[in-house]
Amino acid sequence: MAKVKAKSAKAPKKEKPRKAAVEHEDAHEHRAADKVMQTVLAEHAAEADVVRLDEWVPIECPHCGEGTEIHVIAEMDGQSLDQDCTVCCRPFTAHIEIDDGEANVGVEAA
């Protein structure tokens, strides 16, 4: 009988990435990161150019006539605020509308 040596199954060797391939991948990632950063900077610059409404609007309590102010920002357009007068403690509702960058606040008893 002839003896046959069994060959052991070797796992294939992992090839090390070539230096040029690694540099190519790094360059690609760097260009992608640059594009993202340019987009973010462009959006930030565009936001900085937009004029934001941010003002204090004087109002009067519909119950006692006491004057106060409401802080209005652009995002409040079309909203209604329920508040209590700081003098007579009675509730009122302030309706906020913004037209052409100007805040208009109407007040009514709640």
N, C-alpha and C. Protein backbone atom coordinates (compact mmCIF):
# COMPACT_ATOMS: atom_id res chain seq x y z
N MET A 1 0.80 -1.17 0.00
CA MET A 1 0.00 0.00 0.00
C MET A 1 0.86 1.25 0.00
N ALA A 2 0.43 2.16 -0.79
CA ALA A 2 1.18 3.39 -0.88
C ALA A 2 0.56 4.42 0.05
N LYS A 3 1.42 5.09 0.69
CA LYS A 3 0.94 6.12 1.60
C LYS A 3 0.82 7.44 0.84
N VAL A 4 -0.32 8.03 1.03
CA VAL A 4 -0.55 9.33 0.38
C VAL A 4 -0.66 10.37 1.48
N LYS A 5 0.10 11.40 1.32
CA LYS A 5 0.04 12.48 2.30
C LYS A 5 -1.18 13.36 1.99
N ALA A 6 -1.94 13.61 2.99
CA ALA A 6 -3.09 14.49 2.83
C ALA A 6 -2.60 15.94 2.93
N LYS A 7 -3.00 16.70 1.96
CA LYS A 7 -2.63 18.12 1.98
C LYS A 7 -3.62 18.87 2.87
N SER A 8 -3.09 19.66 3.76
CA SER A 8 -3.98 20.44 4.62
C SER A 8 -4.50 21.64 3.83
N ALA A 9 -5.73 21.94 4.07
CA ALA A 9 -6.33 23.08 3.37
C ALA A 9 -5.86 24.36 4.05
N LYS A 10 -5.14 25.13 3.30
CA LYS A 10 -4.63 26.39 3.83
C LYS A 10 -5.61 27.51 3.48
N ALA A 11 -5.78 28.41 4.43
CA ALA A 11 -6.62 29.58 4.17
C ALA A 11 -5.86 30.48 3.21
N PRO A 12 -6.58 31.06 2.26
CA PRO A 12 -5.89 31.96 1.33
C PRO A 12 -5.30 33.14 2.08
N LYS A 13 -4.14 33.53 1.63
CA LYS A 13 -3.45 34.65 2.28
C LYS A 13 -4.20 35.94 1.95
N LYS A 14 -4.31 36.75 2.97
CA LYS A 14 -4.91 38.06 2.75
C LYS A 14 -3.84 38.96 2.14
N GLU A 15 -4.25 39.59 1.07
CA GLU A 15 -3.29 40.48 0.43
C GLU A 15 -3.33 41.83 1.13
N LYS A 16 -2.17 42.36 1.34
CA LYS A 16 -2.09 43.68 1.92
C LYS A 16 -2.46 44.69 0.83
N PRO A 17 -3.24 45.71 1.22
CA PRO A 17 -3.57 46.69 0.21
C PRO A 17 -2.31 47.39 -0.28
N ARG A 18 -2.31 47.61 -1.53
CA ARG A 18 -1.14 48.28 -2.10
C ARG A 18 -1.15 49.74 -1.67
N LYS A 19 0.01 50.30 -1.54
CA LYS A 19 0.14 51.65 -1.06
C LYS A 19 -0.57 52.63 -1.99
N ALA A 20 -0.49 52.42 -3.28
CA ALA A 20 -1.14 53.32 -4.23
C ALA A 20 -2.65 53.25 -4.08
N ALA A 21 -3.21 52.07 -3.83
CA ALA A 21 -4.66 51.93 -3.66
C ALA A 21 -5.12 52.65 -2.40
N VAL A 22 -4.35 52.54 -1.33
CA VAL A 22 -4.69 53.21 -0.08
C VAL A 22 -4.65 54.72 -0.28
N GLU A 23 -3.64 55.21 -0.94
CA GLU A 23 -3.53 56.64 -1.19
C GLU A 23 -4.70 57.12 -2.06
N HIS A 24 -5.11 56.32 -3.03
CA HIS A 24 -6.24 56.68 -3.88
C HIS A 24 -7.52 56.78 -3.06
N GLU A 25 -7.76 55.81 -2.16
CA GLU A 25 -8.94 55.84 -1.31
C GLU A 25 -8.91 57.05 -0.38
N ASP A 26 -7.75 57.36 0.18
CA ASP A 26 -7.62 58.53 1.05
C ASP A 26 -7.91 59.82 0.29
N ALA A 27 -7.41 59.89 -0.94
CA ALA A 27 -7.65 61.09 -1.75
C ALA A 27 -9.13 61.23 -2.07
N HIS A 28 -9.79 60.11 -2.36
CA HIS A 28 -11.22 60.13 -2.66
C HIS A 28 -12.01 60.60 -1.43
N GLU A 29 -11.68 60.08 -0.25
CA GLU A 29 -12.36 60.49 0.98
C GLU A 29 -12.11 61.97 1.28
N HIS A 30 -10.90 62.43 1.00
CA HIS A 30 -10.56 63.83 1.24
C HIS A 30 -11.38 64.74 0.32
N ARG A 31 -11.53 64.36 -0.97
CA ARG A 31 -12.33 65.16 -1.89
C ARG A 31 -13.80 65.16 -1.47
N ALA A 32 -14.31 64.02 -1.02
CA ALA A 32 -15.70 63.94 -0.57
C ALA A 32 -15.92 64.83 0.66
N ALA A 33 -14.98 64.80 1.59
CA ALA A 33 -15.08 65.64 2.78
C ALA A 33 -15.02 67.12 2.41
N ASP A 34 -14.18 67.47 1.44
CA ASP A 34 -14.11 68.86 0.98
C ASP A 34 -15.44 69.32 0.38
N LYS A 35 -16.08 68.44 -0.40
CA LYS A 35 -17.36 68.80 -1.01
C LYS A 35 -18.41 69.04 0.07
N VAL A 36 -18.45 68.18 1.07
CA VAL A 36 -19.41 68.33 2.16
C VAL A 36 -19.15 69.64 2.89
N MET A 37 -17.90 69.94 3.18
CA MET A 37 -17.56 71.16 3.91
C MET A 37 -17.94 72.41 3.09
N GLN A 38 -17.71 72.38 1.79
CA GLN A 38 -18.07 73.51 0.94
C GLN A 38 -19.58 73.73 0.94
N THR A 39 -20.34 72.64 0.92
CA THR A 39 -21.80 72.74 0.97
C THR A 39 -22.26 73.35 2.28
N VAL A 40 -21.69 72.90 3.38
CA VAL A 40 -22.05 73.43 4.69
C VAL A 40 -21.72 74.91 4.79
N LEU A 41 -20.55 75.29 4.32
CA LEU A 41 -20.15 76.70 4.37
C LEU A 41 -21.05 77.57 3.50
N ALA A 42 -21.45 77.06 2.34
CA ALA A 42 -22.34 77.82 1.46
C ALA A 42 -23.70 78.02 2.11
N GLU A 43 -24.24 76.98 2.75
CA GLU A 43 -25.52 77.09 3.44
C GLU A 43 -25.43 78.07 4.60
N HIS A 44 -24.32 78.02 5.32
CA HIS A 44 -24.14 78.93 6.46
C HIS A 44 -24.08 80.38 5.98
N ALA A 45 -23.37 80.62 4.88
CA ALA A 45 -23.27 81.97 4.34
C ALA A 45 -24.64 82.46 3.87
N ALA A 46 -25.43 81.58 3.26
CA ALA A 46 -26.76 81.96 2.80
C ALA A 46 -27.67 82.31 3.97
N GLU A 47 -27.58 81.56 5.06
CA GLU A 47 -28.38 81.85 6.26
C GLU A 47 -27.97 83.18 6.87
N ALA A 48 -26.69 83.49 6.85
CA ALA A 48 -26.21 84.74 7.44
C ALA A 48 -26.73 85.95 6.67
N ASP A 49 -26.99 85.79 5.37
CA ASP A 49 -27.47 86.89 4.55
C ASP A 49 -28.96 87.17 4.74
N VAL A 50 -29.70 86.20 5.28
CA VAL A 50 -31.14 86.37 5.47
C VAL A 50 -31.37 87.26 6.69
N VAL A 51 -32.21 88.28 6.51
CA VAL A 51 -32.54 89.17 7.61
C VAL A 51 -33.63 88.49 8.45
N ARG A 52 -33.37 88.35 9.73
CA ARG A 52 -34.29 87.69 10.64
C ARG A 52 -35.06 88.73 11.45
N LEU A 53 -36.36 88.50 11.57
CA LEU A 53 -37.17 89.37 12.40
C LEU A 53 -36.93 88.99 13.86
N ASP A 54 -36.60 89.97 14.67
CA ASP A 54 -36.35 89.76 16.08
C ASP A 54 -36.58 91.11 16.77
N GLU A 55 -37.81 91.32 17.23
CA GLU A 55 -38.12 92.63 17.83
C GLU A 55 -39.12 92.49 18.98
N TRP A 56 -39.17 93.52 19.78
CA TRP A 56 -40.12 93.61 20.89
C TRP A 56 -41.26 94.51 20.43
N VAL A 57 -42.49 93.99 20.50
CA VAL A 57 -43.66 94.73 20.03
C VAL A 57 -44.48 95.17 21.25
N PRO A 58 -44.76 96.48 21.36
CA PRO A 58 -45.56 96.95 22.50
C PRO A 58 -47.03 96.56 22.33
N ILE A 59 -47.65 96.13 23.43
CA ILE A 59 -49.07 95.79 23.44
C ILE A 59 -49.69 96.35 24.71
N GLU A 60 -51.04 96.35 24.75
CA GLU A 60 -51.75 96.78 25.95
C GLU A 60 -52.71 95.69 26.37
N CYS A 61 -52.84 95.51 27.67
CA CYS A 61 -53.78 94.54 28.21
C CYS A 61 -55.20 94.99 27.84
N PRO A 62 -56.02 94.09 27.27
CA PRO A 62 -57.38 94.48 26.90
C PRO A 62 -58.30 94.70 28.12
N HIS A 63 -57.87 94.29 29.29
CA HIS A 63 -58.68 94.43 30.50
C HIS A 63 -58.38 95.74 31.24
N CYS A 64 -57.10 95.95 31.54
CA CYS A 64 -56.75 97.11 32.36
C CYS A 64 -55.99 98.20 31.60
N GLY A 65 -55.56 97.90 30.39
CA GLY A 65 -54.86 98.91 29.58
C GLY A 65 -53.38 99.03 29.89
N GLU A 66 -52.84 98.19 30.76
CA GLU A 66 -51.42 98.25 31.12
C GLU A 66 -50.57 97.87 29.91
N GLY A 67 -49.53 98.64 29.66
CA GLY A 67 -48.64 98.39 28.53
C GLY A 67 -47.54 97.40 28.88
N THR A 68 -47.18 96.57 27.93
CA THR A 68 -46.09 95.62 28.06
C THR A 68 -45.56 95.33 26.66
N GLU A 69 -44.62 94.42 26.53
CA GLU A 69 -44.05 94.09 25.23
C GLU A 69 -44.01 92.57 25.05
N ILE A 70 -44.10 92.14 23.78
CA ILE A 70 -43.97 90.73 23.43
C ILE A 70 -42.79 90.61 22.48
N HIS A 71 -41.93 89.64 22.78
CA HIS A 71 -40.77 89.37 21.92
C HIS A 71 -41.23 88.53 20.73
N VAL A 72 -41.07 89.06 19.52
CA VAL A 72 -41.53 88.38 18.30
C VAL A 72 -40.34 88.04 17.43
N ILE A 73 -40.30 86.77 16.98
CA ILE A 73 -39.28 86.34 16.02
C ILE A 73 -40.00 85.81 14.78
N ALA A 74 -39.27 85.65 13.69
CA ALA A 74 -39.86 85.29 12.40
C ALA A 74 -40.65 84.00 12.45
N GLU A 75 -40.23 83.03 13.24
CA GLU A 75 -40.89 81.73 13.29
C GLU A 75 -42.26 81.79 13.96
N MET A 76 -42.63 82.92 14.55
CA MET A 76 -43.89 83.03 15.27
C MET A 76 -45.04 83.47 14.37
N ASP A 77 -44.81 83.63 13.07
CA ASP A 77 -45.84 84.10 12.16
C ASP A 77 -47.07 83.18 12.20
N GLY A 78 -48.24 83.78 12.41
CA GLY A 78 -49.48 83.02 12.44
C GLY A 78 -49.79 82.37 13.78
N GLN A 79 -48.99 82.59 14.79
CA GLN A 79 -49.22 81.95 16.08
C GLN A 79 -50.05 82.85 17.00
N SER A 80 -50.62 82.22 17.99
CA SER A 80 -51.35 82.93 19.04
C SER A 80 -50.73 82.55 20.38
N LEU A 81 -50.57 83.54 21.24
CA LEU A 81 -49.99 83.31 22.56
C LEU A 81 -51.03 83.65 23.63
N ASP A 82 -51.23 82.74 24.56
CA ASP A 82 -52.10 82.99 25.70
C ASP A 82 -51.22 83.41 26.87
N GLN A 83 -51.50 84.61 27.42
CA GLN A 83 -50.70 85.12 28.53
C GLN A 83 -51.62 85.76 29.56
N ASP A 84 -51.05 86.00 30.72
CA ASP A 84 -51.76 86.73 31.77
C ASP A 84 -51.11 88.09 31.93
N CYS A 85 -51.93 89.08 32.17
CA CYS A 85 -51.42 90.43 32.39
C CYS A 85 -50.59 90.45 33.67
N THR A 86 -49.48 91.16 33.66
CA THR A 86 -48.60 91.22 34.85
C THR A 86 -49.17 92.13 35.92
N VAL A 87 -50.19 92.96 35.57
CA VAL A 87 -50.77 93.88 36.56
C VAL A 87 -52.08 93.33 37.11
N CYS A 88 -53.05 93.02 36.21
CA CYS A 88 -54.37 92.60 36.69
C CYS A 88 -54.53 91.07 36.71
N CYS A 89 -53.56 90.34 36.18
CA CYS A 89 -53.53 88.87 36.18
C CYS A 89 -54.66 88.23 35.38
N ARG A 90 -55.33 88.98 34.54
CA ARG A 90 -56.39 88.42 33.71
C ARG A 90 -55.79 87.94 32.39
N PRO A 91 -56.35 86.87 31.82
CA PRO A 91 -55.78 86.29 30.60
C PRO A 91 -56.13 87.06 29.34
N PHE A 92 -55.19 87.05 28.40
CA PHE A 92 -55.45 87.62 27.08
C PHE A 92 -54.73 86.78 26.04
N THR A 93 -55.14 86.94 24.78
CA THR A 93 -54.52 86.21 23.68
C THR A 93 -53.92 87.22 22.71
N ALA A 94 -52.67 87.00 22.35
CA ALA A 94 -51.99 87.85 21.38
C ALA A 94 -51.84 87.07 20.08
N HIS A 95 -52.36 87.63 18.99
CA HIS A 95 -52.27 87.00 17.66
C HIS A 95 -51.16 87.70 16.89
N ILE A 96 -50.20 86.91 16.39
CA ILE A 96 -49.02 87.47 15.72
C ILE A 96 -49.09 87.19 14.22
N GLU A 97 -48.95 88.24 13.43
CA GLU A 97 -48.88 88.13 11.97
C GLU A 97 -47.67 88.93 11.51
N ILE A 98 -46.95 88.40 10.55
CA ILE A 98 -45.76 89.08 10.04
C ILE A 98 -45.97 89.33 8.55
N ASP A 99 -45.94 90.60 8.16
CA ASP A 99 -46.09 90.99 6.76
C ASP A 99 -44.91 91.85 6.35
N ASP A 100 -44.23 91.44 5.29
CA ASP A 100 -43.09 92.19 4.75
C ASP A 100 -42.07 92.55 5.82
N GLY A 101 -41.78 91.62 6.71
CA GLY A 101 -40.75 91.82 7.73
C GLY A 101 -41.21 92.67 8.89
N GLU A 102 -42.49 92.99 8.96
CA GLU A 102 -43.02 93.80 10.05
C GLU A 102 -43.99 92.98 10.87
N ALA A 103 -43.84 93.00 12.18
CA ALA A 103 -44.71 92.23 13.07
C ALA A 103 -45.94 93.05 13.45
N ASN A 104 -47.10 92.40 13.33
CA ASN A 104 -48.37 92.99 13.76
C ASN A 104 -48.95 92.08 14.83
N VAL A 105 -49.26 92.65 16.00
CA VAL A 105 -49.79 91.87 17.11
C VAL A 105 -51.14 92.42 17.51
N GLY A 106 -52.15 91.56 17.44
CA GLY A 106 -53.47 91.93 17.90
C GLY A 106 -53.74 91.25 19.23
N VAL A 107 -54.38 91.99 20.16
CA VAL A 107 -54.62 91.47 21.51
C VAL A 107 -56.12 91.46 21.77
N GLU A 108 -56.60 90.34 22.37
CA GLU A 108 -58.00 90.27 22.76
C GLU A 108 -58.11 89.54 24.09
N ALA A 109 -59.19 89.84 24.81
CA ALA A 109 -59.43 89.19 26.10
C ALA A 109 -59.70 87.72 25.88
N ALA A 110 -59.16 86.90 26.76
CA ALA A 110 -59.36 85.45 26.62
C ALA A 110 -60.44 84.97 27.54
